[in-house]
Amino acid sequence: MSFFDKAKHKLSDAVDQHGEKISQGIDKAATVADQKTGGKHADKIRSGADKAKDALDKLDKKDDGDLGTPGAHR
């Protein structure tokens, strides 16, 4: 197993265990970024946050759209 395969496996395990916390962190970062820019780029910030959550969901071995907890995704 290559280094990248091991890293992806560990990252997938982390997403399985802490998906809700990671998702909340993405939301908090997006909120702070939106406040710092005065709302000028709210649509781009939200789009980026949604894409980050989608990427995390792909790492979730369960692939059930919720990052480990119901309601955690969006």
PDB file of N, CA and C in Angstrom:
ATOM      1  N   MET A   1       0.859  -1.167   0.000  1.00  0.00           N
ATOM      2  CA  MET A   1       0.000   0.000   0.000  1.00  0.00           C
ATOM      3  C   MET A   1       0.910   1.236   0.000  1.00  0.00           C
ATOM      4  N   SER A   2       0.643   2.143  -0.930  1.00  0.00           N
ATOM      5  CA  SER A   2       1.482   3.335  -1.051  1.00  0.00           C
ATOM      6  C   SER A   2       1.173   4.343   0.067  1.00  0.00           C
ATOM      7  N   PHE A   3       2.041   5.319   0.173  1.00  0.00           N
ATOM      8  CA  PHE A   3       1.870   6.376   1.169  1.00  0.00           C
ATOM      9  C   PHE A   3       0.527   7.079   0.985  1.00  0.00           C
ATOM     10  N   PHE A   4       0.165   7.375  -0.267  1.00  0.00           N
ATOM     11  CA  PHE A   4      -1.079   8.099  -0.523  1.00  0.00           C
ATOM     12  C   PHE A   4      -2.306   7.247  -0.215  1.00  0.00           C
ATOM     13  N   ASP A   5      -2.219   5.955  -0.467  1.00  0.00           N
ATOM     14  CA  ASP A   5      -3.327   5.067  -0.115  1.00  0.00           C
ATOM     15  C   ASP A   5      -3.526   5.018   1.399  1.00  0.00           C
ATOM     16  N   LYS A   6      -2.413   4.955   2.134  1.00  0.00           N
ATOM     17  CA  LYS A   6      -2.499   4.959   3.602  1.00  0.00           C
ATOM     18  C   LYS A   6      -3.073   6.275   4.110  1.00  0.00           C
ATOM     19  N   ALA A   7      -2.629   7.388   3.519  1.00  0.00           N
ATOM     20  CA  ALA A   7      -3.122   8.703   3.939  1.00  0.00           C
ATOM     21  C   ALA A   7      -4.615   8.838   3.659  1.00  0.00           C
ATOM     22  N   LYS A   8      -5.053   8.379   2.493  1.00  0.00           N
ATOM     23  CA  LYS A   8      -6.477   8.450   2.149  1.00  0.00           C
ATOM     24  C   LYS A   8      -7.299   7.583   3.104  1.00  0.00           C
ATOM     25  N   HIS A   9      -6.781   6.422   3.443  1.00  0.00           N
ATOM     26  CA  HIS A   9      -7.488   5.538   4.377  1.00  0.00           C
ATOM     27  C   HIS A   9      -7.641   6.211   5.746  1.00  0.00           C
ATOM     28  N   LYS A  10      -6.562   6.819   6.238  1.00  0.00           N
ATOM     29  CA  LYS A  10      -6.627   7.495   7.536  1.00  0.00           C
ATOM     30  C   LYS A  10      -7.562   8.693   7.481  1.00  0.00           C
ATOM     31  N   LEU A  11      -7.534   9.432   6.380  1.00  0.00           N
ATOM     32  CA  LEU A  11      -8.422  10.571   6.229  1.00  0.00           C
ATOM     33  C   LEU A  11      -9.878  10.123   6.175  1.00  0.00           C
ATOM     34  N   SER A  12     -10.137   9.031   5.489  1.00  0.00           N
ATOM     35  CA  SER A  12     -11.495   8.483   5.432  1.00  0.00           C
ATOM     36  C   SER A  12     -11.983   8.082   6.817  1.00  0.00           C
ATOM     37  N   ASP A  13     -11.106   7.474   7.606  1.00  0.00           N
ATOM     38  CA  ASP A  13     -11.473   7.108   8.974  1.00  0.00           C
ATOM     39  C   ASP A  13     -11.802   8.348   9.794  1.00  0.00           C
ATOM     40  N   ALA A  14     -11.018   9.404   9.637  1.00  0.00           N
ATOM     41  CA  ALA A  14     -11.262  10.646  10.378  1.00  0.00           C
ATOM     42  C   ALA A  14     -12.599  11.255   9.983  1.00  0.00           C
ATOM     43  N   VAL A  15     -12.914  11.225   8.702  1.00  0.00           N
ATOM     44  CA  VAL A  15     -14.195  11.764   8.234  1.00  0.00           C
ATOM     45  C   VAL A  15     -15.343  10.925   8.781  1.00  0.00           C
ATOM     46  N   ASP A  16     -15.170   9.614   8.814  1.00  0.00           N
ATOM     47  CA  ASP A  16     -16.208   8.746   9.374  1.00  0.00           C
ATOM     48  C   ASP A  16     -16.471   9.076  10.840  1.00  0.00           C
ATOM     49  N   GLN A  17     -15.414   9.345  11.594  1.00  0.00           N
ATOM     50  CA  GLN A  17     -15.546   9.581  13.025  1.00  0.00           C
ATOM     51  C   GLN A  17     -15.914  11.019  13.361  1.00  0.00           C
ATOM     52  N   HIS A  18     -15.434  11.977  12.577  1.00  0.00           N
ATOM     53  CA  HIS A  18     -15.571  13.389  12.950  1.00  0.00           C
ATOM     54  C   HIS A  18     -16.179  14.239  11.839  1.00  0.00           C
ATOM     55  N   GLY A  19     -16.952  13.630  10.959  1.00  0.00           N
ATOM     56  CA  GLY A  19     -17.520  14.340   9.818  1.00  0.00           C
ATOM     57  C   GLY A  19     -18.356  15.551  10.203  1.00  0.00           C
ATOM     58  N   GLU A  20     -19.146  15.410  11.257  1.00  0.00           N
ATOM     59  CA  GLU A  20     -20.007  16.523  11.674  1.00  0.00           C
ATOM     60  C   GLU A  20     -19.167  17.708  12.147  1.00  0.00           C
ATOM     61  N   LYS A  21     -18.126  17.443  12.919  1.00  0.00           N
ATOM     62  CA  LYS A  21     -17.260  18.520  13.413  1.00  0.00           C
ATOM     63  C   LYS A  21     -16.521  19.201  12.267  1.00  0.00           C
ATOM     64  N   ILE A  22     -16.066  18.409  11.306  1.00  0.00           N
ATOM     65  CA  ILE A  22     -15.376  18.972  10.147  1.00  0.00           C
ATOM     66  C   ILE A  22     -16.334  19.861   9.352  1.00  0.00           C
ATOM     67  N   SER A  23     -17.541  19.383   9.161  1.00  0.00           N
ATOM     68  CA  SER A  23     -18.552  20.143   8.431  1.00  0.00           C
ATOM     69  C   SER A  23     -18.878  21.460   9.142  1.00  0.00           C
ATOM     70  N   GLN A  24     -18.990  21.399  10.467  1.00  0.00           N
ATOM     71  CA  GLN A  24     -19.244  22.615  11.236  1.00  0.00           C
ATOM     72  C   GLN A  24     -18.076  23.590  11.123  1.00  0.00           C
ATOM     73  N   GLY A  25     -16.858  23.068  11.088  1.00  0.00           N
ATOM     74  CA  GLY A  25     -15.678  23.912  10.927  1.00  0.00           C
ATOM     75  C   GLY A  25     -15.670  24.617   9.582  1.00  0.00           C
ATOM     76  N   ILE A  26     -16.079  23.905   8.545  1.00  0.00           N
ATOM     77  CA  ILE A  26     -16.174  24.521   7.216  1.00  0.00           C
ATOM     78  C   ILE A  26     -17.201  25.644   7.239  1.00  0.00           C
ATOM     79  N   ASP A  27     -18.353  25.403   7.875  1.00  0.00           N
ATOM     80  CA  ASP A  27     -19.386  26.432   7.970  1.00  0.00           C
ATOM     81  C   ASP A  27     -18.895  27.656   8.747  1.00  0.00           C
ATOM     82  N   LYS A  28     -18.188  27.424   9.847  1.00  0.00           N
ATOM     83  CA  LYS A  28     -17.665  28.536  10.639  1.00  0.00           C
ATOM     84  C   LYS A  28     -16.649  29.342   9.846  1.00  0.00           C
ATOM     85  N   ALA A  29     -15.764  28.655   9.134  1.00  0.00           N
ATOM     86  CA  ALA A  29     -14.761  29.350   8.315  1.00  0.00           C
ATOM     87  C   ALA A  29     -15.441  30.177   7.224  1.00  0.00           C
ATOM     88  N   ALA A  30     -16.479  29.618   6.619  1.00  0.00           N
ATOM     89  CA  ALA A  30     -17.213  30.353   5.579  1.00  0.00           C
ATOM     90  C   ALA A  30     -17.896  31.586   6.164  1.00  0.00           C
ATOM     91  N   THR A  31     -18.448  31.461   7.354  1.00  0.00           N
ATOM     92  CA  THR A  31     -19.103  32.595   8.009  1.00  0.00           C
ATOM     93  C   THR A  31     -18.096  33.703   8.310  1.00  0.00           C
ATOM     94  N   VAL A  32     -16.943  33.333   8.834  1.00  0.00           N
ATOM     95  CA  VAL A  32     -15.904  34.321   9.141  1.00  0.00           C
ATOM     96  C   VAL A  32     -15.428  35.005   7.865  1.00  0.00           C
ATOM     97  N   ALA A  33     -15.191  34.224   6.822  1.00  0.00           N
ATOM     98  CA  ALA A  33     -14.746  34.799   5.554  1.00  0.00           C
ATOM     99  C   ALA A  33     -15.788  35.753   4.997  1.00  0.00           C
ATOM    100  N   ASP A  34     -17.051  35.384   5.109  1.00  0.00           N
ATOM    101  CA  ASP A  34     -18.135  36.237   4.630  1.00  0.00           C
ATOM    102  C   ASP A  34     -18.179  37.546   5.420  1.00  0.00           C
ATOM    103  N   GLN A  35     -18.010  37.454   6.728  1.00  0.00           N
ATOM    104  CA  GLN A  35     -18.009  38.666   7.564  1.00  0.00           C
ATOM    105  C   GLN A  35     -16.820  39.557   7.241  1.00  0.00           C
ATOM    106  N   LYS A  36     -15.646  38.956   7.041  1.00  0.00           N
ATOM    107  CA  LYS A  36     -14.433  39.731   6.759  1.00  0.00           C
ATOM    108  C   LYS A  36     -14.520  40.457   5.417  1.00  0.00           C
ATOM    109  N   THR A  37     -15.261  39.890   4.474  1.00  0.00           N
ATOM    110  CA  THR A  37     -15.388  40.527   3.167  1.00  0.00           C
ATOM    111  C   THR A  37     -16.640  41.385   3.067  1.00  0.00           C
ATOM    112  N   GLY A  38     -17.351  41.517   4.161  1.00  0.00           N
ATOM    113  CA  GLY A  38     -18.546  42.350   4.167  1.00  0.00           C
ATOM    114  C   GLY A  38     -19.664  41.809   3.300  1.00  0.00           C
ATOM    115  N   GLY A  39     -19.676  40.520   3.064  1.00  0.00           N
ATOM    116  CA  GLY A  39     -20.739  39.901   2.275  1.00  0.00           C
ATOM    117  C   GLY A  39     -20.569  40.066   0.772  1.00  0.00           C
ATOM    118  N   LYS A  40     -19.471  40.677   0.339  1.00  0.00           N
ATOM    119  CA  LYS A  40     -19.260  40.931  -1.089  1.00  0.00           C
ATOM    120  C   LYS A  40     -19.130  39.641  -1.900  1.00  0.00           C
ATOM    121  N   HIS A  41     -18.637  38.604  -1.281  1.00  0.00           N
ATOM    122  CA  HIS A  41     -18.374  37.357  -2.006  1.00  0.00           C
ATOM    123  C   HIS A  41     -19.134  36.184  -1.393  1.00  0.00           C
ATOM    124  N   ALA A  42     -20.270  36.455  -0.817  1.00  0.00           N
ATOM    125  CA  ALA A  42     -21.029  35.427  -0.102  1.00  0.00           C
ATOM    126  C   ALA A  42     -21.349  34.226  -0.990  1.00  0.00           C
ATOM    127  N   ASP A  43     -21.723  34.461  -2.234  1.00  0.00           N
ATOM    128  CA  ASP A  43     -22.084  33.347  -3.113  1.00  0.00           C
ATOM    129  C   ASP A  43     -20.875  32.464  -3.429  1.00  0.00           C
ATOM    130  N   LYS A  44     -19.724  33.067  -3.626  1.00  0.00           N
ATOM    131  CA  LYS A  44     -18.512  32.297  -3.912  1.00  0.00           C
ATOM    132  C   LYS A  44     -18.036  31.541  -2.661  1.00  0.00           C
ATOM    133  N   ILE A  45     -18.144  32.174  -1.508  1.00  0.00           N
ATOM    134  CA  ILE A  45     -17.745  31.530  -0.257  1.00  0.00           C
ATOM    135  C   ILE A  45     -18.637  30.327   0.026  1.00  0.00           C
ATOM    136  N   ARG A  46     -19.940  30.493  -0.131  1.00  0.00           N
ATOM    137  CA  ARG A  46     -20.884  29.395   0.105  1.00  0.00           C
ATOM    138  C   ARG A  46     -20.633  28.267  -0.883  1.00  0.00           C
ATOM    139  N   SER A  47     -20.366  28.619  -2.149  1.00  0.00           N
ATOM    140  CA  SER A  47     -20.088  27.610  -3.161  1.00  0.00           C
ATOM    141  C   SER A  47     -18.831  26.811  -2.796  1.00  0.00           C
ATOM    142  N   GLY A  48     -17.801  27.503  -2.347  1.00  0.00           N
ATOM    143  CA  GLY A  48     -16.568  26.828  -1.936  1.00  0.00           C
ATOM    144  C   GLY A  48     -16.786  25.912  -0.748  1.00  0.00           C
ATOM    145  N   ALA A  49     -17.571  26.377   0.220  1.00  0.00           N
ATOM    146  CA  ALA A  49     -17.870  25.559   1.398  1.00  0.00           C
ATOM    147  C   ALA A  49     -18.657  24.306   0.993  1.00  0.00           C
ATOM    148  N   ASP A  50     -19.612  24.473   0.089  1.00  0.00           N
ATOM    149  CA  ASP A  50     -20.389  23.319  -0.371  1.00  0.00           C
ATOM    150  C   ASP A  50     -19.509  22.308  -1.103  1.00  0.00           C
ATOM    151  N   LYS A  51     -18.577  22.809  -1.913  1.00  0.00           N
ATOM    152  CA  LYS A  51     -17.670  21.908  -2.629  1.00  0.00           C
ATOM    153  C   LYS A  51     -16.754  21.172  -1.658  1.00  0.00           C
ATOM    154  N   ALA A  52     -16.313  21.858  -0.617  1.00  0.00           N
ATOM    155  CA  ALA A  52     -15.473  21.212   0.393  1.00  0.00           C
ATOM    156  C   ALA A  52     -16.247  20.106   1.102  1.00  0.00           C
ATOM    157  N   LYS A  53     -17.512  20.362   1.416  1.00  0.00           N
ATOM    158  CA  LYS A  53     -18.333  19.346   2.065  1.00  0.00           C
ATOM    159  C   LYS A  53     -18.592  18.159   1.136  1.00  0.00           C
ATOM    160  N   ASP A  54     -18.791  18.448  -0.146  1.00  0.00           N
ATOM    161  CA  ASP A  54     -18.983  17.355  -1.109  1.00  0.00           C
ATOM    162  C   ASP A  54     -17.729  16.484  -1.196  1.00  0.00           C
ATOM    163  N   ALA A  55     -16.563  17.114  -1.186  1.00  0.00           N
ATOM    164  CA  ALA A  55     -15.308  16.360  -1.227  1.00  0.00           C
ATOM    165  C   ALA A  55     -15.154  15.493   0.021  1.00  0.00           C
ATOM    166  N   LEU A  56     -15.525  16.039   1.167  1.00  0.00           N
ATOM    167  CA  LEU A  56     -15.465  15.255   2.402  1.00  0.00           C
ATOM    168  C   LEU A  56     -16.433  14.081   2.356  1.00  0.00           C
ATOM    169  N   ASP A  57     -17.606  14.312   1.780  1.00  0.00           N
ATOM    170  CA  ASP A  57     -18.589  13.245   1.700  1.00  0.00           C
ATOM    171  C   ASP A  57     -18.077  12.101   0.832  1.00  0.00           C
ATOM    172  N   LYS A  58     -17.287  12.411  -0.186  1.00  0.00           N
ATOM    173  CA  LYS A  58     -16.718  11.361  -1.025  1.00  0.00           C
ATOM    174  C   LYS A  58     -15.698  10.528  -0.248  1.00  0.00           C
ATOM    175  N   LEU A  59     -15.068  11.137   0.755  1.00  0.00           N
ATOM    176  CA  LEU A  59     -14.115  10.403   1.592  1.00  0.00           C
ATOM    177  C   LEU A  59     -14.814   9.570   2.651  1.00  0.00           C
ATOM    178  N   ASP A  60     -16.074   9.908   2.924  1.00  0.00           N
ATOM    179  CA  ASP A  60     -16.855   9.158   3.900  1.00  0.00           C
ATOM    180  C   ASP A  60     -17.148   7.783   3.324  1.00  0.00           C
ATOM    181  N   LYS A  61     -16.644   6.743   3.972  1.00  0.00           N
ATOM    182  CA  LYS A  61     -16.811   5.385   3.454  1.00  0.00           C
ATOM    183  C   LYS A  61     -18.270   4.982   3.340  1.00  0.00           C
ATOM    184  N   LYS A  62     -19.111   5.580   4.146  1.00  0.00           N
ATOM    185  CA  LYS A  62     -20.531   5.240   4.132  1.00  0.00           C
ATOM    186  C   LYS A  62     -21.204   5.782   2.885  1.00  0.00           C
ATOM    187  N   ASP A  63     -20.693   6.887   2.311  1.00  0.00           N
ATOM    188  CA  ASP A  63     -21.220   7.531   1.112  1.00  0.00           C
ATOM    189  C   ASP A  63     -22.736   7.682   1.189  1.00  0.00           C
ATOM    190  N   ASP A  64     -23.203   8.194   2.317  1.00  0.00           N
ATOM    191  CA  ASP A  64     -24.634   8.346   2.525  1.00  0.00           C
ATOM    192  C   ASP A  64     -25.078   9.810   2.511  1.00  0.00           C
ATOM    193  N   GLY A  65     -24.171  10.714   2.158  1.00  0.00           N
ATOM    194  CA  GLY A  65     -24.536  12.109   2.000  1.00  0.00           C
ATOM    195  C   GLY A  65     -24.597  12.903   3.288  1.00  0.00           C
ATOM    196  N   ASP A  66     -24.141  12.336   4.408  1.00  0.00           N
ATOM    197  CA  ASP A  66     -24.311  13.081   5.656  1.00  0.00           C
ATOM    198  C   ASP A  66     -23.045  13.248   6.489  1.00  0.00           C
ATOM    199  N   LEU A  67     -21.902  12.842   5.986  1.00  0.00           N
ATOM    200  CA  LEU A  67     -20.642  12.989   6.717  1.00  0.00           C
ATOM    201  C   LEU A  67     -20.691  12.352   8.109  1.00  0.00           C
ATOM    202  N   GLY A  68     -21.481  11.327   8.279  1.00  0.00           N
ATOM    203  CA  GLY A  68     -21.471  10.581   9.522  1.00  0.00           C
ATOM    204  C   GLY A  68     -22.636  10.831  10.445  1.00  0.00           C
ATOM    205  N   THR A  69     -23.335  11.938  10.306  1.00  0.00           N
ATOM    206  CA  THR A  69     -24.439  12.251  11.203  1.00  0.00           C
ATOM    207  C   THR A  69     -25.596  12.846  10.398  1.00  0.00           C
ATOM    208  N   PRO A  70     -26.828  12.411  10.629  1.00  0.00           N
ATOM    209  CA  PRO A  70     -27.965  12.970   9.881  1.00  0.00           C
ATOM    210  C   PRO A  70     -28.033  14.487  10.034  1.00  0.00           C
ATOM    211  N   GLY A  71     -28.226  15.159   8.903  1.00  0.00           N
ATOM    212  CA  GLY A  71     -28.355  16.606   8.918  1.00  0.00           C
ATOM    213  C   GLY A  71     -27.041  17.371   8.943  1.00  0.00           C
ATOM    214  N   ALA A  72     -25.933  16.680   8.955  1.00  0.00           N
ATOM    215  CA  ALA A  72     -24.640  17.361   9.034  1.00  0.00           C
ATOM    216  C   ALA A  72     -24.216  17.946   7.713  1.00  0.00           C
ATOM    217  N   HIS A  73     -24.716  17.426   6.619  1.00  0.00           N
ATOM    218  CA  HIS A  73     -24.327  17.905   5.301  1.00  0.00           C
ATOM    219  C   HIS A  73     -25.391  18.857   4.786  1.00  0.00           C
ATOM    220  N   ARG A  74     -25.064  20.101   4.746  1.00  0.00           N
ATOM    221  CA  ARG A  74     -25.924  21.208   4.274  1.00  0.00           C
ATOM    222  C   ARG A  74     -27.051  21.458   5.165  1.00  0.00           C
TER     223      ARG A  74
END
